[in-house]
C-alpha atoms as a PDB file:
ATOM      1  CA  MET A   1       9.268 -14.888   9.502  1.00  0.00           C
ATOM      2  CA  ASP A   2       6.881 -17.618   8.313  1.00  0.00           C
ATOM      3  CA  VAL A   3       3.971 -16.076  10.332  1.00  0.00           C
ATOM      4  CA  LEU A   4       4.439 -12.850   8.531  1.00  0.00           C
ATOM      5  CA  ALA A   5       4.289 -14.641   5.224  1.00  0.00           C
ATOM      6  CA  LEU A   6       1.216 -16.413   6.276  1.00  0.00           C
ATOM      7  CA  ALA A   7      -0.445 -13.118   7.295  1.00  0.00           C
ATOM      8  CA  GLY A   8       0.425 -11.624   4.057  1.00  0.00           C
ATOM      9  CA  PHE A   9      -1.055 -14.274   2.273  1.00  0.00           C
ATOM     10  CA  ALA A  10      -4.323 -14.521   4.137  1.00  0.00           C
ATOM     11  CA  LEU A  11      -5.025 -10.889   4.355  1.00  0.00           C
ATOM     12  CA  PRO A  12      -7.358  -9.438   1.564  1.00  0.00           C
ATOM     13  CA  SER A  13      -5.902  -6.791  -0.363  1.00  0.00           C
ATOM     14  CA  PHE A  14      -9.003  -4.473   0.022  1.00  0.00           C
ATOM     15  CA  TRP A  15      -8.778  -4.806   3.861  1.00  0.00           C
ATOM     16  CA  LEU A  16      -4.925  -4.120   3.789  1.00  0.00           C
ATOM     17  CA  ALA A  17      -5.541  -1.114   1.611  1.00  0.00           C
ATOM     18  CA  LEU A  18      -8.172   0.398   4.198  1.00  0.00           C
ATOM     19  CA  VAL A  19      -5.616  -0.148   6.965  1.00  0.00           C
ATOM     20  CA  LEU A  20      -2.771   1.486   5.102  1.00  0.00           C
ATOM     21  CA  VAL A  21      -4.848   4.519   4.175  1.00  0.00           C
ATOM     22  CA  THR A  22      -6.368   4.904   7.863  1.00  0.00           C
ATOM     23  CA  VAL A  23      -2.774   4.628   9.249  1.00  0.00           C
ATOM     24  CA  PHE A  24      -0.514   6.342   6.783  1.00  0.00           C
ATOM     25  CA  ALA A  25      -2.934   8.900   5.284  1.00  0.00           C
ATOM     26  CA  VAL A  26      -5.501   9.870   7.945  1.00  0.00           C
ATOM     27  CA  LEU A  27      -3.497   9.234  11.268  1.00  0.00           C
ATOM     28  CA  VAL A  28       0.252   9.890  10.347  1.00  0.00           C
ATOM     29  CA  ARG A  29      -0.523  12.050   7.170  1.00  0.00           C
ATOM     30  CA  ILE A  30       2.452  10.834   5.210  1.00  0.00           C
ATOM     31  CA  PHE A  31       0.607   9.827   2.127  1.00  0.00           C
ATOM     32  CA  PRO A  32      -2.428  11.299   0.265  1.00  0.00           C
ATOM     33  CA  ALA A  33      -5.784   9.430   0.939  1.00  0.00           C
ATOM     34  CA  THR A  34      -7.366  10.343  -2.441  1.00  0.00           C
ATOM     35  CA  GLY A  35      -6.465  11.944  -5.559  1.00  0.00           C
ATOM     36  CA  TYR A  36      -4.026  11.430  -8.499  1.00  0.00           C
ATOM     37  CA  VAL A  37      -1.204  13.556  -9.673  1.00  0.00           C
ATOM     38  CA  PRO A  38      -0.112  12.836 -13.243  1.00  0.00           C
ATOM     39  CA  PRO A  39       3.686  12.347 -13.601  1.00  0.00           C
ATOM     40  CA  GLU A  40       4.109  15.227 -16.083  1.00  0.00           C
ATOM     41  CA  VAL A  41       2.816  17.638 -13.420  1.00  0.00           C
ATOM     42  CA  SER A  42       4.984  16.398 -10.309  1.00  0.00           C
ATOM     43  CA  PRO A  43       6.970  13.027 -10.379  1.00  0.00           C
ATOM     44  CA  GLY A  44       7.428  13.149  -6.643  1.00  0.00           C
ATOM     45  CA  GLN A  45       3.726  13.528  -5.839  1.00  0.00           C
ATOM     46  CA  TRP A  46       2.870  10.907  -8.555  1.00  0.00           C
ATOM     47  CA  LEU A  47       5.140   8.382  -6.642  1.00  0.00           C
ATOM     48  CA  ARG A  48       3.408   9.491  -3.349  1.00  0.00           C
ATOM     49  CA  CYS A  49      -0.080   8.756  -4.691  1.00  0.00           C
ATOM     50  CA  LEU A  50       0.998   5.293  -5.837  1.00  0.00           C
ATOM     51  CA  VAL A  51       2.755   3.884  -2.690  1.00  0.00           C
ATOM     52  CA  LEU A  52      -0.241   2.765  -0.804  1.00  0.00           C
ATOM     53  CA  PRO A  53      -2.047   1.003  -3.680  1.00  0.00           C
ATOM     54  CA  MET A  54       1.147  -0.533  -4.796  1.00  0.00           C
ATOM     55  CA  THR A  55       1.827  -1.696  -1.401  1.00  0.00           C
ATOM     56  CA  ALA A  56      -1.592  -3.106  -0.726  1.00  0.00           C
ATOM     57  CA  LEU A  57      -1.360  -5.113  -4.035  1.00  0.00           C
ATOM     58  CA  ALA A  58       2.313  -6.334  -3.706  1.00  0.00           C
ATOM     59  CA  VAL A  59       1.859  -7.904  -0.229  1.00  0.00           C
ATOM     60  CA  HIS A  60       0.167 -10.891  -1.428  1.00  0.00           C
ATOM     61  CA  GLY A  61       2.742 -11.681  -4.195  1.00  0.00           C
ATOM     62  CA  ILE A  62       5.632 -10.906  -1.825  1.00  0.00           C
ATOM     63  CA  ALA A  63       4.021 -13.374   0.847  1.00  0.00           C
ATOM     64  CA  VAL A  64       3.805 -16.050  -1.944  1.00  0.00           C
ATOM     65  CA  ILE A  65       7.366 -15.817  -2.867  1.00  0.00           C
ATOM     66  CA  ALA A  66       8.496 -15.694   0.902  1.00  0.00           C
ATOM     67  CA  LYS A  67       6.518 -18.615   1.671  1.00  0.00           C
END
């Protein structure tokens, strides 16, 4: 567990974002790679658009707390 926290602390957010987009938006096609949908139009699509950026930015903070 300590290794995962250290890896999350060491990875740059921009690199992690690129990996997440490549895996989950291009290869698996779960989330959109680009674009933004306002919450008034579709709350579900709005959440799907925000999952990858929020994950990439939150990993560092989670790793700091876990460490």
